[in-house]
C-alpha atoms as a PDB file:
ATOM      1  CA  MET A   1       0.000   0.000   0.000  1.00  0.00           C
ATOM      2  CA  ALA A   2       3.041   2.275   0.258  1.00  0.00           C
ATOM      3  CA  GLY A   3       2.597   3.432  -3.341  1.00  0.00           C
ATOM      4  CA  MET A   4      -1.138   4.144  -3.064  1.00  0.00           C
ATOM      5  CA  PRO A   5      -1.914   7.873  -2.908  1.00  0.00           C
ATOM      6  CA  THR A   6      -3.503   9.141   0.310  1.00  0.00           C
ATOM      7  CA  ALA A   7      -6.457  10.528  -1.694  1.00  0.00           C
ATOM      8  CA  GLU A   8      -7.177   7.036  -3.028  1.00  0.00           C
ATOM      9  CA  ILE A   9      -6.789   5.530   0.435  1.00  0.00           C
ATOM     10  CA  CYS A  10      -9.478   7.954   1.605  1.00  0.00           C
ATOM     11  CA  ASP A  11     -11.709   7.233  -1.405  1.00  0.00           C
ATOM     12  CA  PHE A  12     -11.553   3.457  -0.951  1.00  0.00           C
ATOM     13  CA  ASN A  13     -11.775   3.380   2.856  1.00  0.00           C
ATOM     14  CA  ALA A  14     -14.781   5.549   3.726  1.00  0.00           C
ATOM     15  CA  ASP A  15     -15.941   3.036   6.358  1.00  0.00           C
ATOM     16  CA  LEU A  16     -12.540   3.041   8.075  1.00  0.00           C
ATOM     17  CA  LEU A  17     -12.486   6.846   8.066  1.00  0.00           C
ATOM     18  CA  ARG A  18     -15.991   7.036   9.507  1.00  0.00           C
ATOM     19  CA  ASP A  19     -15.131   4.518  12.245  1.00  0.00           C
ATOM     20  CA  GLY A  20     -11.848   6.277  13.153  1.00  0.00           C
ATOM     21  CA  GLU A  21      -9.690   3.356  12.023  1.00  0.00           C
ATOM     22  CA  VAL A  22      -8.056   5.729   9.536  1.00  0.00           C
ATOM     23  CA  ARG A  23      -7.469   9.353  10.536  1.00  0.00           C
ATOM     24  CA  VAL A  24      -6.441  12.342   8.409  1.00  0.00           C
ATOM     25  CA  LEU A  25      -3.978  14.729  10.068  1.00  0.00           C
ATOM     26  CA  HIS A  26      -4.660  18.448   9.727  1.00  0.00           C
ATOM     27  CA  PRO A  27      -2.770  19.921   6.732  1.00  0.00           C
ATOM     28  CA  ILE A  28      -0.164  21.828   8.750  1.00  0.00           C
ATOM     29  CA  PHE A  29       3.086  20.194   7.629  1.00  0.00           C
ATOM     30  CA  HIS A  30       5.755  21.322   5.179  1.00  0.00           C
ATOM     31  CA  ILE A  31       7.363  18.633   3.004  1.00  0.00           C
ATOM     32  CA  TYR A  32      11.103  17.943   3.279  1.00  0.00           C
ATOM     33  CA  GLY A  33      13.469  15.139   2.276  1.00  0.00           C
ATOM     34  CA  ARG A  34      13.874  13.304  -1.013  1.00  0.00           C
ATOM     35  CA  ARG A  35      11.011  10.880  -0.363  1.00  0.00           C
ATOM     36  CA  ARG A  36       7.922  12.869  -1.231  1.00  0.00           C
ATOM     37  CA  ALA A  37       5.740   9.862  -0.370  1.00  0.00           C
ATOM     38  CA  PHE A  38       6.457   7.369   2.403  1.00  0.00           C
ATOM     39  CA  SER A  39       4.756   4.994   4.778  1.00  0.00           C
ATOM     40  CA  GLY A  40       5.576   2.660   7.616  1.00  0.00           C
ATOM     41  CA  GLN A  41       4.797   1.497  11.097  1.00  0.00           C
ATOM     42  CA  ILE A  42       4.835   4.317  13.645  1.00  0.00           C
ATOM     43  CA  VAL A  43       7.232   4.868  16.536  1.00  0.00           C
ATOM     44  CA  THR A  44       5.996   7.676  18.808  1.00  0.00           C
ATOM     45  CA  VAL A  45       8.058  10.190  20.777  1.00  0.00           C
ATOM     46  CA  LYS A  46       6.877  13.054  22.988  1.00  0.00           C
ATOM     47  CA  VAL A  47       9.429  15.766  23.815  1.00  0.00           C
ATOM     48  CA  PHE A  48       9.530  19.521  24.271  1.00  0.00           C
ATOM     49  CA  GLU A  49      12.498  21.447  22.890  1.00  0.00           C
ATOM     50  CA  ASP A  50      14.811  18.495  23.702  1.00  0.00           C
ATOM     51  CA  ASN A  51      15.880  15.903  21.117  1.00  0.00           C
ATOM     52  CA  VAL A  52      18.029  13.451  23.141  1.00  0.00           C
ATOM     53  CA  ILE A  53      15.329  10.744  23.021  1.00  0.00           C
ATOM     54  CA  VAL A  54      14.777  11.436  19.310  1.00  0.00           C
ATOM     55  CA  ARG A  55      18.492  10.851  18.621  1.00  0.00           C
ATOM     56  CA  GLY A  56      18.507   7.636  20.646  1.00  0.00           C
ATOM     57  CA  LEU A  57      15.606   6.193  18.662  1.00  0.00           C
ATOM     58  CA  ILE A  58      16.903   7.370  15.271  1.00  0.00           C
ATOM     59  CA  GLU A  59      20.192   5.628  15.999  1.00  0.00           C
ATOM     60  CA  SER A  60      18.300   2.331  16.373  1.00  0.00           C
ATOM     61  CA  LYS A  61      17.475   0.238  13.325  1.00  0.00           C
ATOM     62  CA  GLY A  62      14.611   1.863  11.415  1.00  0.00           C
ATOM     63  CA  ASP A  63      13.308  -1.166   9.490  1.00  0.00           C
ATOM     64  CA  GLY A  64      11.202   1.107   7.262  1.00  0.00           C
ATOM     65  CA  ARG A  65       9.329   2.618  10.199  1.00  0.00           C
ATOM     66  CA  VAL A  66       8.190   6.236  10.611  1.00  0.00           C
ATOM     67  CA  MET A  67       8.995   8.258  13.713  1.00  0.00           C
ATOM     68  CA  VAL A  68       6.262  10.664  14.790  1.00  0.00           C
ATOM     69  CA  ILE A  69       7.583  13.310  17.183  1.00  0.00           C
ATOM     70  CA  ASP A  70       5.154  15.329  19.256  1.00  0.00           C
ATOM     71  CA  GLY A  71       7.269  18.379  19.985  1.00  0.00           C
ATOM     72  CA  GLY A  72       4.308  20.265  21.400  1.00  0.00           C
ATOM     73  CA  GLY A  73       4.159  22.391  18.265  1.00  0.00           C
ATOM     74  CA  SER A  74       7.105  24.461  19.481  1.00  0.00           C
ATOM     75  CA  MET A  75       8.431  26.928  16.957  1.00  0.00           C
ATOM     76  CA  ARG A  76      11.367  27.997  19.178  1.00  0.00           C
ATOM     77  CA  CYS A  77      13.996  25.403  18.171  1.00  0.00           C
ATOM     78  CA  ALA A  78      14.613  22.416  15.891  1.00  0.00           C
ATOM     79  CA  LEU A  79      14.144  18.793  16.952  1.00  0.00           C
ATOM     80  CA  LEU A  80      15.698  17.289  13.810  1.00  0.00           C
ATOM     81  CA  GLY A  81      18.705  18.484  11.825  1.00  0.00           C
ATOM     82  CA  GLY A  82      20.895  17.326   8.983  1.00  0.00           C
ATOM     83  CA  ASN A  83      23.003  14.947  11.087  1.00  0.00           C
ATOM     84  CA  LEU A  84      19.930  13.130  12.433  1.00  0.00           C
ATOM     85  CA  GLY A  85      18.411  13.107   8.959  1.00  0.00           C
ATOM     86  CA  GLN A  86      21.503  11.352   7.621  1.00  0.00           C
ATOM     87  CA  ILE A  87      21.469   8.872  10.506  1.00  0.00           C
ATOM     88  CA  ALA A  88      17.771   8.171   9.888  1.00  0.00           C
ATOM     89  CA  GLN A  89      18.512   7.461   6.224  1.00  0.00           C
ATOM     90  CA  ASN A  90      21.479   5.218   7.045  1.00  0.00           C
ATOM     91  CA  ARG A  91      19.556   3.289   9.740  1.00  0.00           C
ATOM     92  CA  GLY A  92      16.639   2.551   7.407  1.00  0.00           C
ATOM     93  CA  TRP A  93      13.878   4.886   8.617  1.00  0.00           C
ATOM     94  CA  ALA A  94      11.229   5.647   5.978  1.00  0.00           C
ATOM     95  CA  GLY A  95      10.397   9.023   7.445  1.00  0.00           C
ATOM     96  CA  VAL A  96       9.991  11.410  10.347  1.00  0.00           C
ATOM     97  CA  VAL A  97       6.966  13.587  11.141  1.00  0.00           C
ATOM     98  CA  VAL A  98       7.724  16.456  13.532  1.00  0.00           C
ATOM     99  CA  ASN A  99       5.081  18.443  15.385  1.00  0.00           C
ATOM    100  CA  GLY A 100       7.718  21.143  15.688  1.00  0.00           C
ATOM    101  CA  CYS A 101      10.643  22.415  13.658  1.00  0.00           C
ATOM    102  CA  ILE A 102      13.655  21.052  11.806  1.00  0.00           C
ATOM    103  CA  ARG A 103      16.889  22.746  10.725  1.00  0.00           C
ATOM    104  CA  ASP A 104      19.594  22.177   8.111  1.00  0.00           C
ATOM    105  CA  VAL A 105      16.858  22.077   5.484  1.00  0.00           C
ATOM    106  CA  ASP A 106      19.229  21.683   2.522  1.00  0.00           C
ATOM    107  CA  GLU A 107      20.903  18.696   4.198  1.00  0.00           C
ATOM    108  CA  ILE A 108      17.574  17.071   5.068  1.00  0.00           C
ATOM    109  CA  ASN A 109      16.337  17.647   1.509  1.00  0.00           C
ATOM    110  CA  GLY A 110      19.372  15.651   0.345  1.00  0.00           C
ATOM    111  CA  CYS A 111      18.471  12.652   2.514  1.00  0.00           C
ATOM    112  CA  ASP A 112      16.544   9.686   1.113  1.00  0.00           C
ATOM    113  CA  ILE A 113      13.824   9.866   3.768  1.00  0.00           C
ATOM    114  CA  GLY A 114      10.489  11.632   4.011  1.00  0.00           C
ATOM    115  CA  VAL A 115      10.168  14.451   6.529  1.00  0.00           C
ATOM    116  CA  ARG A 116       7.160  16.516   7.531  1.00  0.00           C
ATOM    117  CA  ALA A 117       7.500  19.417   9.984  1.00  0.00           C
ATOM    118  CA  LEU A 118       5.751  22.638  10.939  1.00  0.00           C
ATOM    119  CA  GLY A 119       8.701  24.675   9.684  1.00  0.00           C
ATOM    120  CA  SER A 120      12.400  25.315  10.086  1.00  0.00           C
ATOM    121  CA  HIS A 121      14.344  27.087  12.820  1.00  0.00           C
ATOM    122  CA  PRO A 122      18.133  27.555  13.048  1.00  0.00           C
ATOM    123  CA  LEU A 123      18.382  27.048  16.826  1.00  0.00           C
ATOM    124  CA  LYS A 124      19.209  23.540  18.085  1.00  0.00           C
ATOM    125  CA  SER A 125      17.223  21.968  20.904  1.00  0.00           C
ATOM    126  CA  LYS A 126      18.196  21.384  24.516  1.00  0.00           C
ATOM    127  CA  LYS A 127      20.030  18.192  25.448  1.00  0.00           C
ATOM    128  CA  LYS A 128      18.545  17.134  28.793  1.00  0.00           C
ATOM    129  CA  GLY A 129      16.949  13.803  27.857  1.00  0.00           C
ATOM    130  CA  HIS A 130      13.415  14.695  28.936  1.00  0.00           C
ATOM    131  CA  GLY A 131      10.448  13.104  27.203  1.00  0.00           C
ATOM    132  CA  GLU A 132       8.650   9.842  26.538  1.00  0.00           C
ATOM    133  CA  LYS A 133       8.765   7.193  23.849  1.00  0.00           C
ATOM    134  CA  HIS A 134       6.240   4.625  22.605  1.00  0.00           C
ATOM    135  CA  GLY A 135       3.231   6.307  24.234  1.00  0.00           C
ATOM    136  CA  PRO A 136       0.071   7.760  22.690  1.00  0.00           C
ATOM    137  CA  ILE A 137       0.426  11.298  21.323  1.00  0.00           C
ATOM    138  CA  TYR A 138      -1.977  13.860  19.899  1.00  0.00           C
ATOM    139  CA  VAL A 139      -0.685  15.553  16.748  1.00  0.00           C
ATOM    140  CA  ALA A 140      -2.457  17.615  14.068  1.00  0.00           C
ATOM    141  CA  GLY A 141      -5.926  16.755  15.329  1.00  0.00           C
ATOM    142  CA  ALA A 142      -5.396  13.010  15.656  1.00  0.00           C
ATOM    143  CA  LEU A 143      -4.575  10.547  18.403  1.00  0.00           C
ATOM    144  CA  ILE A 144      -1.571   8.484  17.262  1.00  0.00           C
ATOM    145  CA  ARG A 145      -0.382   5.289  18.918  1.00  0.00           C
ATOM    146  CA  ASP A 146       2.943   3.498  18.706  1.00  0.00           C
ATOM    147  CA  GLY A 147       2.626   0.575  16.269  1.00  0.00           C
ATOM    148  CA  GLU A 148      -0.020   2.152  14.048  1.00  0.00           C
ATOM    149  CA  TRP A 149       0.708   2.918  10.375  1.00  0.00           C
ATOM    150  CA  LEU A 150       1.387   6.239   8.668  1.00  0.00           C
ATOM    151  CA  TYR A 151       0.946   7.106   4.986  1.00  0.00           C
ATOM    152  CA  ALA A 152       2.196  10.452   3.645  1.00  0.00           C
ATOM    153  CA  ASP A 153       2.369  12.082   0.240  1.00  0.00           C
ATOM    154  CA  ALA A 154       1.868  15.528  -1.297  1.00  0.00           C
ATOM    155  CA  ASP A 155      -1.866  15.418  -0.526  1.00  0.00           C
ATOM    156  CA  GLY A 156      -1.509  14.801   3.195  1.00  0.00           C
ATOM    157  CA  VAL A 157      -0.776  12.473   6.078  1.00  0.00           C
ATOM    158  CA  LEU A 158      -2.961   9.563   7.223  1.00  0.00           C
ATOM    159  CA  VAL A 159      -2.724   7.289  10.244  1.00  0.00           C
ATOM    160  CA  SER A 160      -4.277   3.828  10.328  1.00  0.00           C
ATOM    161  CA  LYS A 161      -4.756   1.449  13.238  1.00  0.00           C
ATOM    162  CA  SER A 162      -3.498  -1.371  11.002  1.00  0.00           C
ATOM    163  CA  GLU A 163      -1.483  -1.764   7.837  1.00  0.00           C
ATOM    164  CA  LEU A 164      -3.664  -1.116   4.799  1.00  0.00           C
ATOM    165  CA  THR A 165      -3.697  -3.587   1.935  1.00  0.00           C
ATOM    166  CA  VAL A 166      -5.115  -3.337  -1.556  1.00  0.00           C
END
């Protein structure tokens, strides 16, 4: 289903949308990275202006998964930069969705991953190690749980309770 456009997923899954099995995130994200469309099983992270936990997870094997970072919508610093983008690519992550900012946009745009973020900011985050991983988060109008599936393309971002098949 990775190659199926999000618009078609919505068209063919009206029952799942109605029942909340598939959720459409609000259209608030900018598109970064070389992968304009991506999908994978979700790994959730909740932090605020601190990316130590994000780095720790990105350094683990990605296996085609997608990290969804609830950064509280902060526009005061970046939670993902070029170095972490390169690590994510090298470790096999399909993408990263950030409810917050990124930096090193040109470097991230050179990485073979998909990235969605609220915007860019040149200031790096704190390094205190505060936050949570693998818990439920609320991003862009949707409750997102670790282990669910994310589908993103130029039309938008969807989350599904289970992997979608044709």
